[in-house]
Protein backbone atom coordinates (compact mmCIF):
# COMPACT_ATOMS: atom_id res chain seq x y z
CA UNK A 1 -102.93 11.90 94.76
CA UNK A 2 -106.42 12.05 93.42
CA UNK A 3 -107.30 14.72 90.90
CA UNK A 4 -109.24 17.77 91.97
CA UNK A 5 -112.11 16.62 89.81
CA UNK A 6 -112.39 13.28 91.62
CA UNK A 7 -112.24 14.93 95.05
CA UNK A 8 -114.86 17.43 93.92
CA UNK A 9 -117.04 14.55 92.79
CA UNK A 10 -116.62 12.71 96.11
CA UNK A 11 -117.76 15.83 97.93
CA UNK A 12 -120.64 16.36 95.53
CA UNK A 13 -121.89 12.84 96.03
CA UNK A 14 -121.51 13.09 99.78
CA UNK A 15 -123.55 16.28 99.92
CA UNK A 16 -126.21 14.90 97.67
CA UNK A 17 -126.44 11.73 99.71
CA UNK A 18 -127.25 13.89 102.71
CA UNK A 19 -129.90 15.97 100.92
CA UNK A 20 -131.69 14.44 97.93
CA UNK A 21 -130.19 10.90 98.03
CA UNK A 22 -128.32 9.01 95.39
CA UNK A 23 -129.28 6.65 92.61
CA UNK A 24 -127.87 3.08 92.68
CA UNK A 25 -125.42 4.05 89.96
CA UNK A 26 -124.22 7.03 92.02
CA UNK A 27 -123.91 4.86 95.19
CA UNK A 28 -121.62 2.51 93.25
CA UNK A 29 -119.62 5.41 91.87
CA UNK A 30 -119.28 6.81 95.43
CA UNK A 31 -118.02 3.46 96.76
CA UNK A 32 -115.49 3.19 93.93
CA UNK A 33 -114.25 6.77 94.44
CA UNK A 34 -113.92 6.33 98.19
CA UNK A 35 -112.00 3.08 97.75
CA UNK A 36 -109.60 4.86 95.41
CA UNK A 37 -109.26 7.70 97.88
CA UNK A 38 -108.46 5.41 100.77
CA UNK A 39 -105.93 3.41 98.70
CA UNK A 40 -104.16 6.66 97.68
CA UNK A 41 -104.20 7.92 101.26
CA UNK A 42 -102.69 4.73 102.64
CA UNK A 43 -100.00 4.71 100.00
CA UNK A 44 -99.08 8.30 100.76
CA UNK A 45 -99.14 7.69 104.51
CA UNK A 46 -96.81 4.63 104.18
CA UNK A 47 -94.37 6.74 102.07
CA UNK A 48 -94.37 9.36 104.86
CA UNK A 49 -93.65 6.68 107.49
CA UNK A 50 -90.79 5.30 105.44
CA UNK A 51 -89.16 8.75 105.51
CA UNK A 52 -89.26 8.91 109.32
CA UNK A 53 -86.15 8.52 111.40
CA UNK A 54 -86.49 8.39 115.19
CA UNK A 55 -83.59 10.00 117.14
CA UNK A 56 -83.22 10.09 120.94
CA UNK A 57 -81.95 13.03 122.97
CA UNK A 58 -78.34 11.91 122.38
CA UNK A 59 -78.76 11.98 118.63
CA UNK A 60 -78.72 8.17 118.25
CA UNK A 61 -80.94 6.52 115.71
CA UNK A 62 -83.56 4.57 117.59
CA UNK A 63 -85.90 3.93 114.69
CA UNK A 64 -87.85 0.67 115.37
CA UNK A 65 -86.60 -2.38 113.54
CA UNK A 66 -90.00 -2.94 111.93
CA UNK A 67 -89.78 0.50 110.28
CA UNK A 68 -86.18 -0.03 109.20
CA UNK A 69 -87.14 -3.36 107.63
CA UNK A 70 -90.06 -1.75 105.82
CA UNK A 71 -87.74 0.92 104.39
CA UNK A 72 -85.50 -1.85 103.03
CA UNK A 73 -88.47 -3.57 101.35
CA UNK A 74 -88.65 -6.36 103.85
CA UNK A 75 -91.71 -7.17 105.91
CA UNK A 76 -93.11 -4.41 107.98
CA UNK A 77 -95.97 -1.97 107.62
CA UNK A 78 -97.52 -3.92 104.75
CA UNK A 79 -101.05 -5.17 104.80
């Protein structure tokens, strides 16, 4: 998870880009921070998916094979 300071900086840069504009240095900083945010988000989302277990009405595990393989570290939800 990103620190509160980095998230605040992302928001600050976004607001400034809409009002006064950003310098080239700030545009690069914004790109870097956004990339870090997206990477962190994707990692967190994959971890959430790996904790999912799909169960039908009868209580049987019907988790897709691709997800089961990803949980075991095999191929699967990796990009």
